[in-house]
């Protein structure tokens, strides 16, 4: 239904047709599962909501009517098993379609969903169970997930019931079989738009993950993500590459795209293979696509020119900063300009190359008007053009639509990042004379050498253009004279061997591409970089090991 999304937002555009005002305006009892899924099931019952495939060639198309009915079955099942409003329910379901039925069903009840990755180990589950007081869990039988959970439950006694999918296991309730026993209709359970709805454990690069909790405004905020960044239309077939355990799934696979009329395409795979994903985009005629830069790099190395991507109309990029080389190569092969965006688990898209903008390769774009974004110095003052500072959201107290409510059960962390009417993202950037933001790095990652403040991303971008570099991380290493010097930790591409000559070549390569003081005085070759479960490079671990 064209422009259905306008029921929930107020928006305005400038003289160039670019979004300049965006305000979520849902009803006080708004609930995505009722007001979007069920309402679209009433208006367009036969329209495909979810198009799911897996690596084995299975396909399922679920209409809005079917998704509505299945979410009702799941809601009724959960209610029958004792789940109630406010209960914490963890979902470890990978990209299986049951995830969508479960999370929408839990929204209808008023329970809080906690998506989680299948890569967690028993100690990770114990921490999360304790931290959030998890009562119920739905998990896949794949990858020893249930075994890891059962192991963790020897150290946690708060779990009430366990559900599993893709088969049967002793002590676990078979999710789909059980759900099908319950009615496909239900009476609406009232809630407030301010109620807790979704909790993510942030994949921070330092310390234990924090619990980021959102209310129902979050689902409306992602209309900005879908409409004004992904460029979703009523007939879009959209694919965001993300496991259901990550916040990126909420960004691209759960809320905004569906509200804006897209069909969500879900490719259920275990390991990324560039050739297989390119073939999926080609064969299923994907029209809108979003993935991290790493995947685009592998597409280019795979030979993207050998695939027919003519149906692809829009491509976006997020999760890490974009190297200009990737932008240019993708444009050369497809004619599409990658539209970068930035945000966090705590936010919806907050800086982006919005629909109608001309992207600058390597820039995140401009602030999305759902938030009052700014770049500030250490005293909270706005930085002038060209000066590096921290990206923040200027707020009016803590009542912010589509911004996280708090770090759950962690008042200290909340107050540390959100005070004096400013939410601190912890990410640094600078803006140019046209108002475009350019990413520098995490505040902890800034390198201060010989009086210069150096961000790692610019140096990493240069190094990534050298054919020998597969991955790299730039950090500051202690130096008795300069305080810190730039260090590059590098994983080499196939066919290259570590040597002093190659290290010197890379140093000169950086010197010739950027200010000479930024070149890495230390180059270390390694077989792999330390990363978080979500795949983010842990520069802090490199620094800690250097300081031992």
Protein backbone atom coordinates (compact mmCIF):
# COMPACT_ATOMS: atom_id res chain seq x y z
CA UNK A 1 0.00 0.00 0.00
CA UNK A 2 1.76 3.11 -1.26
CA UNK A 3 2.76 5.63 1.43
CA UNK A 4 1.39 3.45 4.24
CA UNK A 5 4.39 4.50 6.32
CA UNK A 6 3.13 8.10 6.45
CA UNK A 7 0.61 7.03 9.08
CA UNK A 8 3.42 7.00 11.62
CA UNK A 9 5.69 9.94 10.79
CA UNK A 10 5.77 13.62 9.89
CA UNK A 11 8.37 14.55 7.31
CA UNK A 12 9.43 17.54 5.24
CA UNK A 13 11.81 17.98 2.30
CA UNK A 14 14.04 20.81 1.14
CA UNK A 15 14.00 22.44 -2.30
CA UNK A 16 16.16 19.60 -3.65
CA UNK A 17 13.78 16.91 -2.42
CA UNK A 18 16.10 15.77 0.39
CA UNK A 19 14.69 14.98 3.80
CA UNK A 20 15.02 17.92 6.21
CA UNK A 21 12.53 17.00 8.95
CA UNK A 22 11.52 13.61 10.32
CA UNK A 23 9.40 13.11 13.42
CA UNK A 24 7.94 9.77 14.59
CA UNK A 25 4.25 10.36 15.41
CA UNK A 26 2.71 6.98 16.23
CA UNK A 27 -0.31 6.52 18.49
CA UNK A 28 0.27 6.19 22.23
CA UNK A 29 -0.48 2.44 22.02
CA UNK A 30 1.50 1.84 18.81
CA UNK A 31 2.88 -1.67 18.31
CA UNK A 32 4.55 -2.66 15.04
CA UNK A 33 3.22 -6.21 15.13
CA UNK A 34 -0.39 -5.03 15.33
CA UNK A 35 -0.28 -1.69 13.53
CA UNK A 36 1.95 -2.71 10.63
CA UNK A 37 1.94 -6.50 10.23
CA UNK A 38 -1.72 -7.08 11.10
CA UNK A 39 -2.93 -3.92 9.36
CA UNK A 40 -1.11 -4.77 6.12
CA UNK A 41 -2.50 -8.30 6.42
CA UNK A 42 -5.96 -6.70 6.40
CA UNK A 43 -5.21 -4.29 3.56
CA UNK A 44 -3.00 -6.47 1.34
CA UNK A 45 -3.34 -10.05 2.62
CA UNK A 46 -1.73 -11.69 -0.43
CA UNK A 47 1.28 -9.42 -0.76
CA UNK A 48 4.56 -11.20 0.04
CA UNK A 49 6.06 -9.94 3.28
CA UNK A 50 8.97 -12.39 3.67
CA UNK A 51 10.74 -14.27 0.87
CA UNK A 52 13.02 -16.86 2.49
CA UNK A 53 15.55 -19.18 0.86
CA UNK A 54 18.41 -21.28 2.18
CA UNK A 55 21.61 -22.76 0.81
CA UNK A 56 19.92 -26.12 0.16
CA UNK A 57 17.51 -24.57 -2.33
CA UNK A 58 14.40 -24.44 -0.12
CA UNK A 59 12.09 -21.48 -0.69
CA UNK A 60 9.18 -20.09 1.30
CA UNK A 61 7.13 -17.02 0.53
CA UNK A 62 5.07 -15.72 3.44
CA UNK A 63 2.29 -13.23 2.73
CA UNK A 64 1.30 -10.56 5.22
CA UNK A 65 -1.73 -12.68 6.11
CA UNK A 66 0.49 -15.68 6.83
CA UNK A 67 3.01 -13.68 8.87
CA UNK A 68 0.17 -12.16 10.88
CA UNK A 69 -1.36 -15.58 11.55
CA UNK A 70 1.96 -17.18 12.45
CA UNK A 71 2.86 -14.36 14.84
CA UNK A 72 -0.54 -14.91 16.49
CA UNK A 73 0.15 -18.62 16.85
CA UNK A 74 3.55 -17.88 18.40
CA UNK A 75 2.03 -15.26 20.72
CA UNK A 76 -0.68 -17.66 21.86
CA UNK A 77 1.89 -20.41 22.38
CA UNK A 78 4.14 -18.17 24.46
CA UNK A 79 1.19 -17.02 26.56
CA UNK A 80 0.15 -20.63 27.18
CA UNK A 81 3.67 -21.39 28.40
CA UNK A 82 3.65 -18.52 30.86
CA UNK A 83 5.39 -15.71 28.97
CA UNK A 84 4.00 -12.36 30.07
CA UNK A 85 4.55 -8.67 29.54
CA UNK A 86 8.07 -7.58 30.43
CA UNK A 87 9.56 -11.09 30.43
CA UNK A 88 12.98 -11.40 28.82
CA UNK A 89 13.06 -13.91 25.95
CA UNK A 90 16.30 -14.69 24.11
CA UNK A 91 16.19 -15.66 20.41
CA UNK A 92 19.15 -17.55 18.95
CA UNK A 93 17.62 -18.44 15.60
CA UNK A 94 20.19 -17.39 12.99
CA UNK A 95 18.37 -16.48 9.75
CA UNK A 96 15.62 -19.09 10.16
CA UNK A 97 12.16 -17.74 9.33
CA UNK A 98 10.89 -18.73 12.76
CA UNK A 99 12.77 -15.74 14.12
CA UNK A 100 10.32 -13.33 12.47
CA UNK A 101 7.25 -15.19 13.76
CA UNK A 102 8.72 -15.32 17.26
CA UNK A 103 9.81 -11.69 17.57
CA UNK A 104 6.52 -10.33 16.20
CA UNK A 105 4.60 -12.70 18.49
CA UNK A 106 6.58 -11.53 21.51
CA UNK A 107 5.89 -7.91 20.56
CA UNK A 108 2.16 -8.66 20.65
CA UNK A 109 2.47 -10.01 24.18
CA UNK A 110 4.63 -7.16 25.42
CA UNK A 111 7.61 -9.40 26.20
CA UNK A 112 11.14 -8.14 25.53
CA UNK A 113 13.03 -9.94 22.77
CA UNK A 114 16.81 -10.40 23.06
CA UNK A 115 18.24 -11.44 19.69
CA UNK A 116 21.59 -13.20 20.02
CA UNK A 117 24.16 -14.75 17.73
CA UNK A 118 24.75 -18.48 17.43
CA UNK A 119 28.47 -17.83 17.97
CA UNK A 120 28.08 -17.41 21.73
CA UNK A 121 29.86 -19.84 24.04
CA UNK A 122 28.58 -21.09 27.43
CA UNK A 123 30.34 -18.31 29.37
CA UNK A 124 28.71 -15.72 27.07
CA UNK A 125 25.27 -17.17 27.77
CA UNK A 126 25.85 -17.23 31.53
CA UNK A 127 26.76 -13.53 31.48
CA UNK A 128 23.73 -12.61 29.36
CA UNK A 129 21.28 -14.76 31.30
CA UNK A 130 22.39 -13.23 34.59
CA UNK A 131 22.56 -9.67 33.30
CA UNK A 132 19.08 -9.62 31.78
CA UNK A 133 17.31 -12.25 33.94
CA UNK A 134 16.36 -14.26 30.87
CA UNK A 135 13.33 -16.52 31.49
CA UNK A 136 12.71 -18.14 28.10
CA UNK A 137 14.88 -19.01 25.13
CA UNK A 138 14.26 -20.06 21.53
CA UNK A 139 17.28 -21.58 19.82
CA UNK A 140 18.40 -23.43 16.72
CA UNK A 141 19.66 -26.97 16.96
CA UNK A 142 22.48 -26.01 14.58
CA UNK A 143 26.08 -25.43 15.64
CA UNK A 144 25.77 -26.98 19.13
CA UNK A 145 23.77 -23.93 20.23
CA UNK A 146 21.44 -25.95 22.47
CA UNK A 147 24.38 -27.83 23.98
CA UNK A 148 26.12 -24.55 24.83
CA UNK A 149 22.92 -23.22 26.38
CA UNK A 150 22.38 -26.38 28.44
CA UNK A 151 25.98 -26.13 29.62
CA UNK A 152 25.39 -22.51 30.65
CA UNK A 153 22.19 -23.47 32.49
CA UNK A 154 24.24 -25.54 34.96
CA UNK A 155 25.31 -22.12 36.30
CA UNK A 156 21.97 -20.29 35.93
CA UNK A 157 18.66 -21.32 37.47
CA UNK A 158 16.33 -18.62 36.12
CA UNK A 159 15.30 -20.28 32.87
CA UNK A 160 11.65 -21.30 32.80
CA UNK A 161 11.34 -23.01 29.39
CA UNK A 162 13.42 -23.73 26.29
CA UNK A 163 12.20 -23.96 22.70
CA UNK A 164 14.22 -25.31 19.77
CA UNK A 165 13.73 -25.35 16.05
CA UNK A 166 14.90 -27.62 13.22
CA UNK A 167 14.23 -30.89 15.04
CA UNK A 168 13.74 -32.32 18.50
CA UNK A 169 15.93 -32.44 21.57
CA UNK A 170 15.27 -33.82 25.04
CA UNK A 171 14.26 -31.10 27.47
CA UNK A 172 13.40 -28.67 24.68
CA UNK A 173 9.98 -27.85 23.20
CA UNK A 174 9.86 -28.09 19.37
CA UNK A 175 9.08 -24.52 18.36
CA UNK A 176 7.14 -24.82 15.10
CA UNK A 177 5.31 -28.02 16.03
CA UNK A 178 4.20 -26.45 19.29
CA UNK A 179 3.16 -23.15 17.71
CA UNK A 180 0.92 -24.88 15.18
CA UNK A 181 -1.23 -26.21 18.04
CA UNK A 182 -2.44 -22.71 18.85
CA UNK A 183 -5.01 -20.40 17.20
CA UNK A 184 -4.06 -18.09 14.33
CA UNK A 185 -6.16 -15.27 15.79
CA UNK A 186 -5.87 -13.28 19.02
CA UNK A 187 -7.28 -10.22 20.71
CA UNK A 188 -5.02 -7.20 20.84
CA UNK A 189 -3.11 -6.82 24.09
CA UNK A 190 -2.74 -3.14 24.89
CA UNK A 191 0.65 -1.55 25.41
CA UNK A 192 2.29 1.86 25.52
CA UNK A 193 4.65 3.05 22.80
CA UNK A 194 7.08 3.74 25.68
CA UNK A 195 7.14 0.09 26.85
CA UNK A 196 10.37 -1.92 26.66
CA UNK A 197 10.34 -3.97 23.46
CA UNK A 198 13.81 -5.01 22.30
CA UNK A 199 17.19 -5.51 23.98
CA UNK A 200 20.58 -5.97 22.36
CA UNK A 201 23.88 -6.77 23.97
CA UNK A 202 26.18 -4.26 22.30
CA UNK A 203 29.27 -5.72 20.68
CA UNK A 204 31.61 -3.21 22.25
CA UNK A 205 35.33 -3.44 21.56
CA UNK A 206 36.14 -2.95 25.25
CA UNK A 207 34.74 -4.55 28.38
CA UNK A 208 31.60 -6.64 28.77
CA UNK A 209 28.73 -5.95 26.38
CA UNK A 210 26.18 -3.39 27.61
CA UNK A 211 22.44 -3.99 27.37
CA UNK A 212 20.86 -1.51 24.97
CA UNK A 213 17.09 -1.37 25.45
CA UNK A 214 14.54 0.12 23.04
CA UNK A 215 10.85 0.91 23.17
CA UNK A 216 8.33 0.79 20.31
CA UNK A 217 9.41 4.18 18.92
CA UNK A 218 12.50 2.38 17.63
CA UNK A 219 10.49 0.52 14.97
CA UNK A 220 9.06 3.82 13.68
CA UNK A 221 12.50 5.44 13.64
CA UNK A 222 13.67 2.79 11.21
CA UNK A 223 11.29 4.20 8.61
CA UNK A 224 14.03 6.82 8.17
CA UNK A 225 16.55 4.00 7.72
CA UNK A 226 14.44 2.27 5.10
CA UNK A 227 12.81 5.11 3.19
CA UNK A 228 15.48 7.77 3.23
CA UNK A 229 18.64 5.68 3.21
CA UNK A 230 17.75 2.32 1.64
CA UNK A 231 15.37 4.10 -0.76
CA UNK A 232 12.62 1.53 -0.20
CA UNK A 233 9.65 1.68 -2.58
CA UNK A 234 6.36 -0.20 -2.57
CA UNK A 235 7.70 -2.88 -4.94
CA UNK A 236 11.26 -3.21 -3.57
CA UNK A 237 12.79 -6.64 -2.96
CA UNK A 238 15.31 -5.80 -0.24
CA UNK A 239 18.20 -7.85 1.09
CA UNK A 240 20.24 -6.73 4.09
CA UNK A 241 23.01 -9.16 4.96
CA UNK A 242 22.83 -9.77 8.69
CA UNK A 243 22.31 -12.60 11.10
CA UNK A 244 19.22 -12.11 13.25
CA UNK A 245 21.42 -11.78 16.35
CA UNK A 246 22.82 -8.39 15.35
CA UNK A 247 21.29 -4.92 15.54
CA UNK A 248 21.77 -4.61 11.77
CA UNK A 249 18.91 -7.08 11.42
CA UNK A 250 16.56 -4.54 13.01
CA UNK A 251 17.97 -1.92 10.67
CA UNK A 252 17.34 -3.87 7.49
CA UNK A 253 15.19 -6.98 7.99
CA UNK A 254 12.51 -6.40 10.61
CA UNK A 255 10.75 -3.05 10.67
CA UNK A 256 11.23 -0.05 8.39
CA UNK A 257 11.44 -1.88 5.07
CA UNK A 258 8.16 -3.68 5.69
CA UNK A 259 6.42 -0.49 6.84
CA UNK A 260 7.57 1.17 3.59
CA UNK A 261 6.13 -1.59 1.39
CA UNK A 262 9.14 -3.78 0.62
CA UNK A 263 9.30 -7.54 0.53
CA UNK A 264 12.06 -8.70 2.87
CA UNK A 265 14.38 -11.17 1.18
CA UNK A 266 16.05 -13.52 3.65
CA UNK A 267 18.99 -15.65 2.55
CA UNK A 268 19.62 -18.26 5.26
CA UNK A 269 23.30 -19.19 5.00
CA UNK A 270 26.07 -20.10 7.43
CA UNK A 271 29.26 -18.88 5.81
CA UNK A 272 29.67 -15.97 3.43
CA UNK A 273 30.82 -16.91 -0.05
CA UNK A 274 30.98 -14.00 -2.47
CA UNK A 275 30.10 -16.15 -5.50
CA UNK A 276 27.00 -17.65 -3.87
CA UNK A 277 25.67 -14.32 -2.65
CA UNK A 278 26.27 -12.67 -6.01
CA UNK A 279 24.36 -15.50 -7.67
CA UNK A 280 21.46 -15.00 -5.25
CA UNK A 281 21.34 -11.27 -6.04
CA UNK A 282 21.40 -12.13 -9.75
CA UNK A 283 18.95 -15.05 -9.79
CA UNK A 284 16.33 -13.60 -7.46
CA UNK A 285 16.54 -10.14 -9.01
CA UNK A 286 17.22 -8.28 -5.78
CA UNK A 287 16.47 -4.57 -6.24
CA UNK A 288 17.86 -3.10 -3.00
CA UNK A 289 20.91 -4.38 -1.13
CA UNK A 290 22.83 -3.48 2.03
CA UNK A 291 26.02 -5.05 3.39
CA UNK A 292 29.27 -4.08 5.10
CA UNK A 293 32.22 -2.87 2.98
CA UNK A 294 34.09 -6.15 3.47
CA UNK A 295 31.48 -8.01 1.43
CA UNK A 296 31.66 -5.49 -1.39
CA UNK A 297 35.45 -5.89 -1.42
CA UNK A 298 35.04 -9.65 -1.81
CA UNK A 299 32.45 -9.13 -4.56
CA UNK A 300 34.99 -7.11 -6.51
CA UNK A 301 37.75 -9.68 -5.98
CA UNK A 302 35.35 -12.48 -6.97
CA UNK A 303 34.65 -10.83 -10.33
CA UNK A 304 31.42 -8.90 -9.91
CA UNK A 305 31.46 -8.08 -13.63
CA UNK A 306 30.63 -11.72 -14.38
CA UNK A 307 27.19 -11.51 -12.77
CA UNK A 308 24.01 -9.89 -14.08
CA UNK A 309 23.06 -7.34 -11.42
CA UNK A 310 20.93 -5.24 -13.74
CA UNK A 311 17.88 -5.53 -11.47
CA UNK A 312 19.78 -3.96 -8.59
CA UNK A 313 18.58 -0.37 -8.32
CA UNK A 314 20.10 0.76 -5.03
CA UNK A 315 23.02 -0.28 -2.83
CA UNK A 316 23.91 0.89 0.66
CA UNK A 317 26.79 0.23 2.99
CA UNK A 318 27.31 0.28 6.76
CA UNK A 319 28.94 -1.49 9.66
CA UNK A 320 32.40 -0.07 9.07
CA UNK A 321 33.71 2.93 7.21
CA UNK A 322 33.84 2.75 3.42
CA UNK A 323 37.14 2.85 1.54
CA UNK A 324 36.90 5.05 -1.58
CA UNK A 325 38.49 2.29 -3.66
CA UNK A 326 35.49 0.04 -3.02
CA UNK A 327 33.10 2.84 -3.95
CA UNK A 328 34.87 3.50 -7.23
CA UNK A 329 35.19 -0.13 -8.28
CA UNK A 330 31.54 -0.94 -7.50
CA UNK A 331 30.41 2.11 -9.46
CA UNK A 332 32.59 1.08 -12.38
CA UNK A 333 31.05 -2.40 -12.53
CA UNK A 334 27.39 -1.62 -11.70
CA UNK A 335 26.77 2.07 -12.33
CA UNK A 336 25.51 2.35 -8.74
CA UNK A 337 26.95 4.75 -6.19
CA UNK A 338 27.24 3.14 -2.77
CA UNK A 339 25.30 5.19 -0.23
CA UNK A 340 27.07 4.96 3.12
CA UNK A 341 25.26 5.38 6.43
CA UNK A 342 26.23 5.44 10.10
CA UNK A 343 24.50 4.52 13.31
CA UNK A 344 24.78 2.33 16.36
CA UNK A 345 22.89 -0.33 18.29
CA UNK A 346 21.63 2.63 20.33
CA UNK A 347 20.21 4.49 17.30
CA UNK A 348 18.55 4.20 13.94
CA UNK A 349 20.45 5.67 10.98
CA UNK A 350 21.75 9.04 12.18
CA UNK A 351 24.22 10.10 9.46
CA UNK A 352 23.74 9.01 5.87
CA UNK A 353 23.96 9.71 2.20
CA UNK A 354 20.20 10.14 2.01
CA UNK A 355 18.04 9.62 -1.06
CA UNK A 356 18.65 12.50 -3.47
CA UNK A 357 22.11 13.34 -2.15
CA UNK A 358 25.28 13.11 -4.21
CA UNK A 359 27.63 10.87 -2.20
CA UNK A 360 31.25 11.74 -1.64
CA UNK A 361 33.30 8.52 -1.67
CA UNK A 362 34.45 7.82 1.87
CA UNK A 363 31.99 10.17 3.56
CA UNK A 364 29.18 8.95 5.79
CA UNK A 365 26.93 11.68 4.43
CA UNK A 366 24.98 14.25 6.41
CA UNK A 367 22.97 14.09 9.65
CA UNK A 368 19.55 12.49 9.27
CA UNK A 369 17.01 14.91 10.81
CA UNK A 370 15.50 12.34 13.17
CA UNK A 371 18.23 13.44 15.62
CA UNK A 372 20.07 16.70 16.31
CA UNK A 373 23.57 15.49 15.41
CA UNK A 374 26.71 17.51 16.09
CA UNK A 375 30.49 17.15 16.28
CA UNK A 376 31.89 18.51 19.53
CA UNK A 377 35.22 19.05 21.28
CA UNK A 378 36.15 17.83 24.76
CA UNK A 379 34.11 20.66 26.33
CA UNK A 380 30.95 19.94 24.36
CA UNK A 381 31.39 22.88 21.99
CA UNK A 382 30.58 22.47 18.30
CA UNK A 383 33.69 21.91 16.20
CA UNK A 384 34.39 24.13 13.20
CA UNK A 385 34.72 22.75 9.68
CA UNK A 386 37.70 20.40 9.38
CA UNK A 387 38.26 19.84 13.11
CA UNK A 388 38.01 16.33 14.49
CA UNK A 389 35.59 15.84 17.37
CA UNK A 390 33.12 13.37 18.79
CA UNK A 391 29.80 12.74 17.09
CA UNK A 392 26.97 13.34 19.54
CA UNK A 393 23.20 13.60 19.67
CA UNK A 394 22.01 16.77 21.36
CA UNK A 395 18.93 15.81 23.35
CA UNK A 396 16.28 17.44 25.47
CA UNK A 397 16.58 15.36 28.59
CA UNK A 398 16.26 11.63 27.90
CA UNK A 399 12.86 11.47 26.19
CA UNK A 400 14.11 10.85 22.67
CA UNK A 401 12.02 9.05 20.07
CA UNK A 402 13.97 6.25 18.35
CA UNK A 403 17.03 6.68 20.57
CA UNK A 404 17.66 3.90 23.07
CA UNK A 405 16.04 4.33 26.50
CA UNK A 406 19.11 3.48 28.57
CA UNK A 407 21.77 0.90 29.21
CA UNK A 408 19.56 -1.56 31.03
CA UNK A 409 20.48 -2.06 34.69
CA UNK A 410 23.60 0.07 34.22
CA UNK A 411 22.94 3.60 35.42
CA UNK A 412 26.65 4.37 35.57
CA UNK A 413 27.18 3.56 31.89
CA UNK A 414 24.03 5.46 30.92
CA UNK A 415 25.10 8.56 32.83
CA UNK A 416 28.63 8.31 31.47
CA UNK A 417 27.51 8.37 27.84
CA UNK A 418 24.38 10.52 28.21
CA UNK A 419 24.69 13.66 30.30
CA UNK A 420 24.20 17.43 30.03
CA UNK A 421 21.60 16.80 27.31
CA UNK A 422 24.16 15.14 25.06
CA UNK A 423 24.40 11.47 24.08
CA UNK A 424 28.03 10.66 23.31
CA UNK A 425 28.45 8.10 20.53
CA UNK A 426 32.14 7.49 21.22
CA UNK A 427 32.87 7.87 17.50
CA UNK A 428 34.91 10.71 16.06
CA UNK A 429 34.55 12.53 12.76
CA UNK A 430 34.97 15.87 11.05
CA UNK A 431 32.70 17.74 8.69
CA UNK A 432 33.60 19.50 5.46
CA UNK A 433 32.38 22.83 4.12
CA UNK A 434 29.33 21.11 2.56
CA UNK A 435 28.27 19.53 5.86
CA UNK A 436 29.36 15.99 4.98
CA UNK A 437 30.70 13.91 7.89
CA UNK A 438 33.95 11.96 7.55
CA UNK A 439 34.65 9.12 9.95
CA UNK A 440 37.90 9.12 11.95
CA UNK A 441 37.55 6.34 14.56
CA UNK A 442 36.45 5.49 18.06
CA UNK A 443 37.48 8.04 20.68
CA UNK A 444 39.67 5.36 22.28
CA UNK A 445 41.36 4.68 18.94
CA UNK A 446 42.66 8.21 18.29
CA UNK A 447 46.45 8.31 18.08
CA UNK A 448 48.28 11.30 19.54
CA UNK A 449 51.76 11.40 18.06
CA UNK A 450 54.16 14.39 18.16
CA UNK A 451 51.25 16.74 18.82
CA UNK A 452 49.11 15.39 15.98
CA UNK A 453 45.71 13.71 16.45
CA UNK A 454 45.57 10.87 13.97
CA UNK A 455 42.51 8.73 13.22
CA UNK A 456 43.16 5.12 12.19
CA UNK A 457 40.61 4.92 9.39
CA UNK A 458 42.34 7.20 6.92
CA UNK A 459 45.56 5.20 7.16
CA UNK A 460 43.67 1.90 6.98
CA UNK A 461 41.88 3.13 3.86
CA UNK A 462 45.18 3.83 2.13
CA UNK A 463 46.67 0.49 3.15
CA UNK A 464 43.58 -1.38 1.94
CA UNK A 465 44.22 -0.03 -1.56
CA UNK A 466 47.53 -1.88 -1.72
CA UNK A 467 47.04 -5.31 -3.35
CA UNK A 468 49.04 -7.10 -0.64
CA UNK A 469 46.68 -6.06 2.19
CA UNK A 470 43.68 -8.25 2.99
CA UNK A 471 42.88 -6.70 6.38
CA UNK A 472 44.57 -4.18 8.64
CA UNK A 473 44.24 -2.36 11.93
CA UNK A 474 46.00 0.88 12.76
CA UNK A 475 46.74 1.68 16.40
CA UNK A 476 48.99 3.84 18.51
CA UNK A 477 52.09 2.24 20.02
CA UNK A 478 54.04 3.78 22.89
CA UNK A 479 57.19 5.66 21.94
CA UNK A 480 59.65 7.31 24.37
CA UNK A 481 60.19 10.34 22.12
CA UNK A 482 56.91 10.96 20.34
CA UNK A 483 54.60 9.60 23.04
CA UNK A 484 52.89 7.43 20.45
CA UNK A 485 53.68 6.30 16.93
CA UNK A 486 51.41 4.82 14.29
CA UNK A 487 51.43 1.04 14.06
CA UNK A 488 49.84 -1.04 11.29
CA UNK A 489 48.93 -4.65 12.00
CA UNK A 490 48.36 -6.35 8.66
CA UNK A 491 46.92 -9.61 7.34
CA UNK A 492 48.38 -10.25 3.90
CA UNK A 493 46.40 -11.35 0.85
CA UNK A 494 47.15 -14.69 -0.79
CA UNK A 495 50.37 -14.73 -2.76
CA UNK A 496 52.23 -12.26 -0.54
CA UNK A 497 54.89 -13.02 2.05
CA UNK A 498 55.87 -10.88 5.02
CA UNK A 499 59.26 -9.19 4.68
CA UNK A 500 61.11 -6.04 5.65
CA UNK A 501 60.99 -5.00 2.01
CA UNK A 502 57.21 -5.26 1.90
CA UNK A 503 56.90 -3.35 5.18
CA UNK A 504 59.03 -0.54 3.71
CA UNK A 505 56.95 -0.56 0.54
CA UNK A 506 53.75 -0.16 2.54
CA UNK A 507 55.23 2.67 4.62
CA UNK A 508 56.19 4.55 1.47
CA UNK A 509 52.77 3.81 -0.02
CA UNK A 510 51.11 5.62 2.89
CA UNK A 511 53.64 8.48 2.78
CA UNK A 512 52.81 9.11 -0.86
CA UNK A 513 49.04 9.02 -0.32
CA UNK A 514 48.58 11.16 2.80
CA UNK A 515 50.42 13.48 5.17
CA UNK A 516 53.87 11.96 5.83
CA UNK A 517 53.52 12.14 9.63
CA UNK A 518 50.68 9.60 9.41
CA UNK A 519 52.71 6.76 7.98
CA UNK A 520 53.08 3.64 10.17
CA UNK A 521 56.49 3.60 11.77
CA UNK A 522 55.79 0.05 12.92
CA UNK A 523 54.43 -2.62 10.56
CA UNK A 524 53.54 -6.04 11.94
CA UNK A 525 52.30 -8.92 9.81
CA UNK A 526 49.88 -11.37 11.46
CA UNK A 527 47.73 -14.30 10.35
CA UNK A 528 44.52 -12.81 11.77
CA UNK A 529 43.26 -9.77 13.65
CA UNK A 530 41.54 -9.98 17.05
CA UNK A 531 37.81 -9.40 16.66
CA UNK A 532 34.59 -9.27 18.63
CA UNK A 533 31.89 -11.88 18.10
CA UNK A 534 30.25 -9.47 15.64
CA UNK A 535 33.45 -9.21 13.61
CA UNK A 536 34.62 -5.76 14.71
CA UNK A 537 38.37 -5.39 15.02
CA UNK A 538 39.49 -5.15 18.67
CA UNK A 539 42.20 -2.51 18.40
CA UNK A 540 42.18 -2.34 22.19
CA UNK A 541 43.52 -5.92 22.32
CA UNK A 542 46.36 -5.01 19.97
CA UNK A 543 47.24 -2.05 22.21
CA UNK A 544 47.06 -4.17 25.35
CA UNK A 545 49.36 -6.82 23.89
CA UNK A 546 51.83 -4.12 22.81
CA UNK A 547 51.91 -2.77 26.36
CA UNK A 548 52.63 -6.07 28.08
